[in-house]
Amino acid sequence: MVKFMYLLLILSSTLFLQSLHPIAMLMIILFTTMLVVISIVFSLQTSWLSYILFMVMLGGLLILFIYITTLTPNSKMIMINYYSILLFFLLIFSQKANSMKDNNMNYSSIDLLSIMKMFHPSLLLMTIAISIYLLISLFVIVYITQYNKGALRNMFYD
């Protein structure tokens, strides 16, 4: 599982270097942050560092998203990149080949317990409060930017 997460981190870094659209870059950064947070939860006894990292990155990405949608025109986002799709399938198949060698691997409940620490009922109130705070700050930022004026640059299509 750890090898697969590192494989996904390498893949997301490669996709980030190849992407040209700012929204696609933000989505890749969010995916990479989630992978890093999950790996921190697996490696540490407490999940507070991962909570803080994820909330700070999510707040920063929300602000970047507002800036990007205000400044960039409404251009088409090209989704198909055959090189990255080929790289993704090669990495997945190489991971499957490695996992078939280790077929007698014993899956313990330690990984499941470390994931469950993030969503423990005692931390639920704090998680909901932080999520509501981020939602309210998103609404305030959208209201402040006056979204009815549109993008600052002209619209063009490639």
N, C-alpha and C. Protein backbone atom coordinates (compact mmCIF):
# COMPACT_ATOMS: atom_id res chain seq x y z
N MET A 1 0.82 -1.19 0.00
CA MET A 1 0.00 0.00 0.00
C MET A 1 0.87 1.26 0.00
N VAL A 2 1.94 1.22 0.76
CA VAL A 2 2.84 2.38 0.82
C VAL A 2 3.53 2.57 -0.53
N LYS A 3 3.92 1.47 -1.16
CA LYS A 3 4.55 1.58 -2.48
C LYS A 3 3.58 2.18 -3.49
N PHE A 4 2.33 1.78 -3.39
CA PHE A 4 1.33 2.30 -4.32
C PHE A 4 1.10 3.79 -4.09
N MET A 5 1.12 4.24 -2.84
CA MET A 5 0.96 5.67 -2.57
C MET A 5 2.14 6.47 -3.09
N TYR A 6 3.36 5.94 -2.91
CA TYR A 6 4.52 6.63 -3.47
C TYR A 6 4.47 6.64 -4.99
N LEU A 7 3.96 5.58 -5.57
CA LEU A 7 3.79 5.52 -7.02
C LEU A 7 2.80 6.58 -7.49
N LEU A 8 1.71 6.75 -6.76
CA LEU A 8 0.75 7.80 -7.10
C LEU A 8 1.33 9.19 -6.90
N LEU A 9 2.18 9.37 -5.91
CA LEU A 9 2.85 10.67 -5.71
C LEU A 9 3.76 11.01 -6.89
N ILE A 10 4.50 10.01 -7.36
CA ILE A 10 5.37 10.23 -8.53
C ILE A 10 4.53 10.54 -9.76
N LEU A 11 3.44 9.83 -9.92
CA LEU A 11 2.56 10.06 -11.07
C LEU A 11 1.94 11.45 -11.02
N SER A 12 1.48 11.88 -9.84
CA SER A 12 0.88 13.20 -9.75
C SER A 12 1.90 14.31 -9.98
N SER A 13 3.14 14.09 -9.56
CA SER A 13 4.19 15.08 -9.83
C SER A 13 4.47 15.17 -11.32
N THR A 14 4.47 14.03 -12.00
CA THR A 14 4.67 14.02 -13.45
C THR A 14 3.52 14.71 -14.17
N LEU A 15 2.30 14.44 -13.73
CA LEU A 15 1.14 15.09 -14.36
C LEU A 15 1.14 16.59 -14.11
N PHE A 16 1.62 17.01 -12.94
CA PHE A 16 1.68 18.44 -12.65
C PHE A 16 2.63 19.15 -13.60
N LEU A 17 3.75 18.52 -13.90
CA LEU A 17 4.72 19.13 -14.81
C LEU A 17 4.18 19.22 -16.23
N GLN A 18 3.26 18.32 -16.60
CA GLN A 18 2.74 18.30 -17.96
C GLN A 18 1.48 19.14 -18.13
N SER A 19 0.81 19.50 -17.05
CA SER A 19 -0.46 20.21 -17.19
C SER A 19 -0.21 21.68 -17.51
N LEU A 20 -1.11 22.23 -18.30
CA LEU A 20 -0.98 23.62 -18.73
C LEU A 20 -2.07 24.52 -18.15
N HIS A 21 -3.21 23.94 -17.81
CA HIS A 21 -4.33 24.73 -17.31
C HIS A 21 -4.21 24.90 -15.79
N PRO A 22 -4.45 26.10 -15.28
CA PRO A 22 -4.27 26.34 -13.84
C PRO A 22 -5.24 25.54 -12.96
N ILE A 23 -6.46 25.31 -13.43
CA ILE A 23 -7.41 24.54 -12.64
C ILE A 23 -6.96 23.09 -12.52
N ALA A 24 -6.41 22.54 -13.60
CA ALA A 24 -5.88 21.17 -13.54
C ALA A 24 -4.71 21.09 -12.58
N MET A 25 -3.88 22.13 -12.56
CA MET A 25 -2.76 22.15 -11.61
C MET A 25 -3.26 22.17 -10.16
N LEU A 26 -4.32 22.94 -9.90
CA LEU A 26 -4.88 22.98 -8.55
C LEU A 26 -5.43 21.62 -8.14
N MET A 27 -6.09 20.93 -9.06
CA MET A 27 -6.63 19.61 -8.74
C MET A 27 -5.51 18.62 -8.45
N ILE A 28 -4.42 18.71 -9.19
CA ILE A 28 -3.29 17.80 -8.97
C ILE A 28 -2.62 18.11 -7.63
N ILE A 29 -2.50 19.40 -7.29
CA ILE A 29 -1.93 19.76 -5.99
C ILE A 29 -2.81 19.25 -4.85
N LEU A 30 -4.13 19.34 -5.01
CA LEU A 30 -5.04 18.83 -3.99
C LEU A 30 -4.91 17.32 -3.83
N PHE A 31 -4.81 16.61 -4.94
CA PHE A 31 -4.64 15.15 -4.90
C PHE A 31 -3.31 14.78 -4.23
N THR A 32 -2.25 15.50 -4.56
CA THR A 32 -0.95 15.23 -3.96
C THR A 32 -0.97 15.52 -2.46
N THR A 33 -1.65 16.59 -2.06
CA THR A 33 -1.77 16.90 -0.64
C THR A 33 -2.51 15.81 0.10
N MET A 34 -3.56 15.28 -0.50
CA MET A 34 -4.30 14.20 0.15
C MET A 34 -3.43 12.96 0.30
N LEU A 35 -2.61 12.66 -0.70
CA LEU A 35 -1.71 11.51 -0.58
C LEU A 35 -0.66 11.71 0.51
N VAL A 36 -0.12 12.92 0.60
CA VAL A 36 0.87 13.21 1.64
C VAL A 36 0.22 13.13 3.03
N VAL A 37 -1.00 13.64 3.15
CA VAL A 37 -1.70 13.58 4.43
C VAL A 37 -1.95 12.13 4.85
N ILE A 38 -2.36 11.30 3.92
CA ILE A 38 -2.60 9.89 4.24
C ILE A 38 -1.30 9.20 4.64
N SER A 39 -0.20 9.52 3.97
CA SER A 39 1.07 8.90 4.36
C SER A 39 1.54 9.39 5.73
N ILE A 40 1.26 10.65 6.08
CA ILE A 40 1.61 11.15 7.41
C ILE A 40 0.77 10.45 8.48
N VAL A 41 -0.50 10.23 8.20
CA VAL A 41 -1.36 9.53 9.15
C VAL A 41 -0.86 8.11 9.37
N PHE A 42 -0.40 7.45 8.31
CA PHE A 42 0.13 6.09 8.45
C PHE A 42 1.40 6.06 9.29
N SER A 43 2.23 7.08 9.16
CA SER A 43 3.54 7.03 9.80
C SER A 43 3.57 7.57 11.23
N LEU A 44 2.64 8.43 11.60
CA LEU A 44 2.64 9.02 12.94
C LEU A 44 1.55 8.42 13.82
N GLN A 45 1.71 8.57 15.11
CA GLN A 45 0.71 8.09 16.05
C GLN A 45 -0.49 9.03 16.14
N THR A 46 -0.27 10.30 15.90
CA THR A 46 -1.34 11.27 15.97
C THR A 46 -1.65 11.81 14.58
N SER A 47 -2.86 12.26 14.40
CA SER A 47 -3.24 12.74 13.08
C SER A 47 -3.39 14.26 13.03
N TRP A 48 -2.99 14.97 14.08
CA TRP A 48 -3.16 16.41 14.10
C TRP A 48 -2.30 17.12 13.07
N LEU A 49 -1.10 16.64 12.86
CA LEU A 49 -0.24 17.25 11.85
C LEU A 49 -0.86 17.14 10.47
N SER A 50 -1.45 16.01 10.19
CA SER A 50 -2.09 15.84 8.88
C SER A 50 -3.33 16.71 8.76
N TYR A 51 -4.10 16.87 9.85
CA TYR A 51 -5.25 17.78 9.82
C TYR A 51 -4.81 19.20 9.50
N ILE A 52 -3.80 19.66 10.21
CA ILE A 52 -3.33 21.03 10.03
C ILE A 52 -2.81 21.23 8.61
N LEU A 53 -2.02 20.28 8.13
CA LEU A 53 -1.49 20.38 6.77
C LEU A 53 -2.60 20.42 5.74
N PHE A 54 -3.58 19.55 5.89
CA PHE A 54 -4.66 19.51 4.90
C PHE A 54 -5.50 20.78 4.94
N MET A 55 -5.83 21.27 6.11
CA MET A 55 -6.66 22.47 6.21
C MET A 55 -5.93 23.71 5.69
N VAL A 56 -4.65 23.82 5.97
CA VAL A 56 -3.88 24.96 5.46
C VAL A 56 -3.78 24.90 3.94
N MET A 57 -3.48 23.72 3.41
CA MET A 57 -3.38 23.58 1.96
C MET A 57 -4.73 23.80 1.29
N LEU A 58 -5.80 23.31 1.88
CA LEU A 58 -7.13 23.50 1.30
C LEU A 58 -7.52 24.96 1.31
N GLY A 59 -7.24 25.66 2.39
CA GLY A 59 -7.52 27.09 2.45
C GLY A 59 -6.72 27.87 1.42
N GLY A 60 -5.44 27.53 1.29
CA GLY A 60 -4.62 28.20 0.28
C GLY A 60 -5.08 27.90 -1.13
N LEU A 61 -5.50 26.66 -1.38
CA LEU A 61 -5.99 26.32 -2.71
C LEU A 61 -7.32 27.00 -3.02
N LEU A 62 -8.16 27.20 -2.01
CA LEU A 62 -9.40 27.94 -2.24
C LEU A 62 -9.12 29.38 -2.63
N ILE A 63 -8.16 30.00 -1.96
CA ILE A 63 -7.80 31.38 -2.30
C ILE A 63 -7.19 31.44 -3.70
N LEU A 64 -6.30 30.49 -4.02
CA LEU A 64 -5.73 30.44 -5.37
C LEU A 64 -6.81 30.22 -6.43
N PHE A 65 -7.78 29.38 -6.12
CA PHE A 65 -8.87 29.13 -7.07
C PHE A 65 -9.66 30.40 -7.34
N ILE A 66 -9.93 31.18 -6.31
CA ILE A 66 -10.64 32.44 -6.50
C ILE A 66 -9.82 33.41 -7.35
N TYR A 67 -8.52 33.53 -7.07
CA TYR A 67 -7.67 34.41 -7.87
C TYR A 67 -7.61 33.96 -9.32
N ILE A 68 -7.45 32.67 -9.53
CA ILE A 68 -7.32 32.17 -10.90
C ILE A 68 -8.60 32.37 -11.68
N THR A 69 -9.75 32.08 -11.06
CA THR A 69 -11.00 32.26 -11.79
C THR A 69 -11.30 33.73 -12.04
N THR A 70 -10.75 34.62 -11.23
CA THR A 70 -10.95 36.05 -11.46
C THR A 70 -10.04 36.56 -12.58
N LEU A 71 -8.81 36.07 -12.64
CA LEU A 71 -7.83 36.62 -13.57
C LEU A 71 -7.79 35.94 -14.93
N THR A 72 -8.05 34.66 -14.99
CA THR A 72 -7.90 33.95 -16.26
C THR A 72 -9.19 33.96 -17.05
N PRO A 73 -9.07 33.93 -18.35
CA PRO A 73 -10.27 33.87 -19.19
C PRO A 73 -10.86 32.47 -19.16
N ASN A 74 -12.04 32.36 -19.73
CA ASN A 74 -12.71 31.06 -19.79
C ASN A 74 -12.19 30.27 -20.98
N SER A 75 -11.06 29.66 -20.83
CA SER A 75 -10.47 28.88 -21.92
C SER A 75 -10.78 27.41 -21.73
N LYS A 76 -10.69 26.68 -22.82
CA LYS A 76 -10.95 25.24 -22.77
C LYS A 76 -9.82 24.54 -22.04
N MET A 77 -10.18 23.52 -21.29
CA MET A 77 -9.19 22.71 -20.60
C MET A 77 -9.05 21.40 -21.36
N ILE A 78 -7.88 21.18 -21.93
CA ILE A 78 -7.63 19.97 -22.70
C ILE A 78 -7.30 18.86 -21.72
N MET A 79 -8.11 17.80 -21.73
CA MET A 79 -7.97 16.74 -20.75
C MET A 79 -7.14 15.56 -21.24
N ILE A 80 -7.10 15.31 -22.53
CA ILE A 80 -6.46 14.10 -23.04
C ILE A 80 -4.98 14.35 -23.27
N ASN A 81 -4.17 13.60 -22.59
CA ASN A 81 -2.73 13.61 -22.77
C ASN A 81 -2.30 12.15 -22.82
N TYR A 82 -2.04 11.66 -24.02
CA TYR A 82 -1.81 10.23 -24.20
C TYR A 82 -0.55 9.74 -23.50
N TYR A 83 0.46 10.58 -23.40
CA TYR A 83 1.69 10.18 -22.72
C TYR A 83 1.43 9.92 -21.24
N SER A 84 0.67 10.78 -20.61
CA SER A 84 0.40 10.59 -19.18
C SER A 84 -0.51 9.39 -18.94
N ILE A 85 -1.44 9.12 -19.84
CA ILE A 85 -2.30 7.94 -19.70
C ILE A 85 -1.46 6.68 -19.84
N LEU A 86 -0.55 6.66 -20.81
CA LEU A 86 0.33 5.50 -20.98
C LEU A 86 1.21 5.31 -19.75
N LEU A 87 1.75 6.40 -19.22
CA LEU A 87 2.58 6.32 -18.03
C LEU A 87 1.79 5.81 -16.83
N PHE A 88 0.55 6.26 -16.71
CA PHE A 88 -0.30 5.80 -15.62
C PHE A 88 -0.54 4.29 -15.69
N PHE A 89 -0.88 3.79 -16.88
CA PHE A 89 -1.14 2.36 -17.00
C PHE A 89 0.12 1.52 -16.80
N LEU A 90 1.26 2.02 -17.26
CA LEU A 90 2.50 1.29 -17.03
C LEU A 90 2.83 1.21 -15.54
N LEU A 91 2.61 2.29 -14.82
CA LEU A 91 2.87 2.27 -13.39
C LEU A 91 1.90 1.36 -12.65
N ILE A 92 0.65 1.36 -13.05
CA ILE A 92 -0.33 0.49 -12.40
C ILE A 92 -0.01 -0.97 -12.66
N PHE A 93 0.34 -1.30 -13.91
CA PHE A 93 0.64 -2.70 -14.22
C PHE A 93 1.93 -3.16 -13.54
N SER A 94 2.91 -2.27 -13.42
CA SER A 94 4.12 -2.66 -12.70
C SER A 94 3.83 -2.87 -11.22
N GLN A 95 2.92 -2.09 -10.67
CA GLN A 95 2.53 -2.28 -9.27
C GLN A 95 1.79 -3.60 -9.10
N LYS A 96 0.93 -3.95 -10.06
CA LYS A 96 0.21 -5.23 -9.99
C LYS A 96 1.18 -6.39 -10.07
N ALA A 97 2.20 -6.28 -10.90
CA ALA A 97 3.18 -7.36 -11.02
C ALA A 97 3.95 -7.53 -9.71
N ASN A 98 4.28 -6.42 -9.06
CA ASN A 98 4.97 -6.51 -7.77
C ASN A 98 4.07 -7.07 -6.68
N SER A 99 2.79 -6.73 -6.73
CA SER A 99 1.90 -7.24 -5.69
C SER A 99 1.59 -8.71 -5.88
N MET A 100 1.66 -9.21 -7.12
CA MET A 100 1.44 -10.64 -7.34
C MET A 100 2.59 -11.47 -6.78
N LYS A 101 3.79 -10.88 -6.75
CA LYS A 101 4.92 -11.58 -6.14
C LYS A 101 4.73 -11.72 -4.64
N ASP A 102 4.18 -10.70 -4.02
CA ASP A 102 3.96 -10.70 -2.58
C ASP A 102 2.52 -11.10 -2.26
N ASN A 103 2.06 -12.17 -2.86
CA ASN A 103 0.67 -12.58 -2.71
C ASN A 103 0.37 -13.08 -1.31
N ASN A 104 1.39 -13.55 -0.60
CA ASN A 104 1.16 -14.06 0.74
C ASN A 104 1.26 -12.96 1.80
N MET A 105 1.09 -11.73 1.39
CA MET A 105 1.20 -10.59 2.29
C MET A 105 0.05 -10.60 3.30
N ASN A 106 0.36 -10.35 4.54
CA ASN A 106 -0.63 -10.35 5.61
C ASN A 106 -1.12 -8.93 5.82
N TYR A 107 -2.38 -8.69 5.51
CA TYR A 107 -2.96 -7.37 5.71
C TYR A 107 -3.41 -7.25 7.16
N SER A 108 -2.77 -6.36 7.86
CA SER A 108 -3.12 -6.19 9.27
C SER A 108 -4.13 -5.07 9.42
N SER A 109 -4.70 -5.01 10.57
CA SER A 109 -5.70 -3.97 10.84
C SER A 109 -5.06 -2.67 11.29
N ILE A 110 -3.73 -2.61 11.33
CA ILE A 110 -3.04 -1.39 11.77
C ILE A 110 -3.29 -0.26 10.78
N ASP A 111 -3.24 -0.56 9.48
CA ASP A 111 -3.49 0.47 8.48
C ASP A 111 -4.92 1.00 8.59
N LEU A 112 -5.86 0.11 8.79
CA LEU A 112 -7.25 0.53 8.92
C LEU A 112 -7.46 1.38 10.17
N LEU A 113 -6.81 1.01 11.26
CA LEU A 113 -6.94 1.78 12.49
C LEU A 113 -6.33 3.17 12.36
N SER A 114 -5.23 3.28 11.63
CA SER A 114 -4.63 4.61 11.47
C SER A 114 -5.48 5.50 10.58
N ILE A 115 -6.21 4.92 9.64
CA ILE A 115 -7.15 5.73 8.85
C ILE A 115 -8.34 6.14 9.70
N MET A 116 -8.81 5.24 10.54
CA MET A 116 -9.97 5.54 11.36
C MET A 116 -9.69 6.62 12.41
N LYS A 117 -8.40 6.84 12.75
CA LYS A 117 -8.06 7.89 13.70
C LYS A 117 -8.46 9.26 13.17
N MET A 118 -8.41 9.42 11.86
CA MET A 118 -8.77 10.72 11.28
C MET A 118 -10.24 11.03 11.49
N PHE A 119 -11.09 10.01 11.52
CA PHE A 119 -12.53 10.22 11.60
C PHE A 119 -13.10 9.67 12.91
N HIS A 120 -12.32 9.76 13.95
CA HIS A 120 -12.76 9.28 15.27
C HIS A 120 -13.88 10.18 15.77
N PRO A 121 -14.88 9.61 16.45
CA PRO A 121 -16.01 10.44 16.93
C PRO A 121 -15.59 11.57 17.86
N SER A 122 -14.51 11.41 18.60
CA SER A 122 -14.10 12.50 19.49
C SER A 122 -13.55 13.69 18.70
N LEU A 123 -13.08 13.48 17.49
CA LEU A 123 -12.56 14.56 16.66
C LEU A 123 -13.59 15.09 15.67
N LEU A 124 -14.78 14.54 15.69
CA LEU A 124 -15.79 14.90 14.71
C LEU A 124 -16.22 16.36 14.84
N LEU A 125 -16.39 16.83 16.06
CA LEU A 125 -16.82 18.22 16.27
C LEU A 125 -15.77 19.20 15.75
N MET A 126 -14.50 18.91 16.00
CA MET A 126 -13.43 19.78 15.51
C MET A 126 -13.38 19.77 13.98
N THR A 127 -13.55 18.62 13.38
CA THR A 127 -13.53 18.52 11.92
C THR A 127 -14.68 19.30 11.31
N ILE A 128 -15.86 19.19 11.88
CA ILE A 128 -17.02 19.92 11.37
C ILE A 128 -16.83 21.42 11.55
N ALA A 129 -16.27 21.85 12.68
CA ALA A 129 -16.05 23.27 12.92
C ALA A 129 -15.05 23.85 11.93
N ILE A 130 -13.98 23.13 11.66
CA ILE A 130 -12.98 23.61 10.70
C ILE A 130 -13.58 23.65 9.29
N SER A 131 -14.38 22.67 8.94
CA SER A 131 -15.01 22.65 7.62
C SER A 131 -16.00 23.80 7.46
N ILE A 132 -16.78 24.09 8.48
CA ILE A 132 -17.73 25.21 8.42
C ILE A 132 -16.97 26.53 8.33
N TYR A 133 -15.88 26.66 9.06
CA TYR A 133 -15.06 27.87 8.99
C TYR A 133 -14.53 28.09 7.57
N LEU A 134 -14.04 27.02 6.95
CA LEU A 134 -13.54 27.16 5.58
C LEU A 134 -14.66 27.48 4.60
N LEU A 135 -15.84 26.91 4.81
CA LEU A 135 -16.97 27.20 3.93
C LEU A 135 -17.40 28.66 4.06
N ILE A 136 -17.46 29.16 5.28
CA ILE A 136 -17.83 30.56 5.48
C ILE A 136 -16.79 31.49 4.88
N SER A 137 -15.51 31.17 5.05
CA SER A 137 -14.47 32.02 4.45
C SER A 137 -14.52 31.96 2.93
N LEU A 138 -14.91 30.83 2.35
CA LEU A 138 -15.09 30.76 0.90
C LEU A 138 -16.21 31.67 0.46
N PHE A 139 -17.34 31.65 1.17
CA PHE A 139 -18.46 32.53 0.82
C PHE A 139 -18.08 34.00 0.94
N VAL A 140 -17.33 34.35 1.96
CA VAL A 140 -16.90 35.74 2.14
C VAL A 140 -15.97 36.17 1.02
N ILE A 141 -15.05 35.30 0.62
CA ILE A 141 -14.12 35.63 -0.46
C ILE A 141 -14.87 35.80 -1.78
N VAL A 142 -15.83 34.93 -2.05
CA VAL A 142 -16.62 35.05 -3.28
C VAL A 142 -17.42 36.35 -3.26
N TYR A 143 -17.98 36.72 -2.12
CA TYR A 143 -18.73 37.96 -2.02
C TYR A 143 -17.84 39.18 -2.21
N ILE A 144 -16.64 39.14 -1.66
CA ILE A 144 -15.73 40.27 -1.76
C ILE A 144 -15.22 40.47 -3.19
N THR A 145 -14.99 39.38 -3.93
CA THR A 145 -14.42 39.51 -5.27
C THR A 145 -15.41 39.99 -6.31
N GLN A 146 -16.67 40.13 -5.99
CA GLN A 146 -17.70 40.61 -6.91
C GLN A 146 -17.66 39.83 -8.23
N TYR A 147 -18.11 38.61 -8.14
CA TYR A 147 -18.02 37.69 -9.26
C TYR A 147 -18.88 38.07 -10.45
N ASN A 148 -19.75 39.05 -10.34
CA ASN A 148 -20.59 39.43 -11.48
C ASN A 148 -19.83 40.26 -12.51
N LYS A 149 -18.64 40.73 -12.20
CA LYS A 149 -17.85 41.49 -13.17
C LYS A 149 -17.10 40.58 -14.13
N GLY A 150 -16.91 39.32 -13.80
CA GLY A 150 -16.27 38.36 -14.70
C GLY A 150 -14.76 38.42 -14.64
N ALA A 151 -14.14 37.77 -15.61
CA ALA A 151 -12.69 37.71 -15.67
C ALA A 151 -12.12 39.06 -16.09
N LEU A 152 -10.89 39.32 -15.71
CA LEU A 152 -10.26 40.59 -16.03
C LEU A 152 -9.70 40.61 -17.45
N ARG A 153 -9.47 39.42 -18.04
CA ARG A 153 -8.96 39.35 -19.40
C ARG A 153 -10.06 38.88 -20.35
N ASN A 154 -9.82 39.04 -21.64
CA ASN A 154 -10.80 38.63 -22.64
C ASN A 154 -10.87 37.11 -22.73
N MET A 155 -12.00 36.64 -23.24
CA MET A 155 -12.18 35.21 -23.40
C MET A 155 -11.62 34.79 -24.75
N PHE A 156 -10.87 33.67 -24.76
CA PHE A 156 -10.36 33.13 -26.01
C PHE A 156 -10.34 31.62 -25.90
N TYR A 157 -10.37 30.98 -27.04
CA TYR A 157 -10.31 29.52 -27.11
C TYR A 157 -9.13 29.13 -27.96
N ASP A 158 -8.40 28.11 -27.50
CA ASP A 158 -7.23 27.64 -28.26
C ASP A 158 -7.65 26.80 -29.44
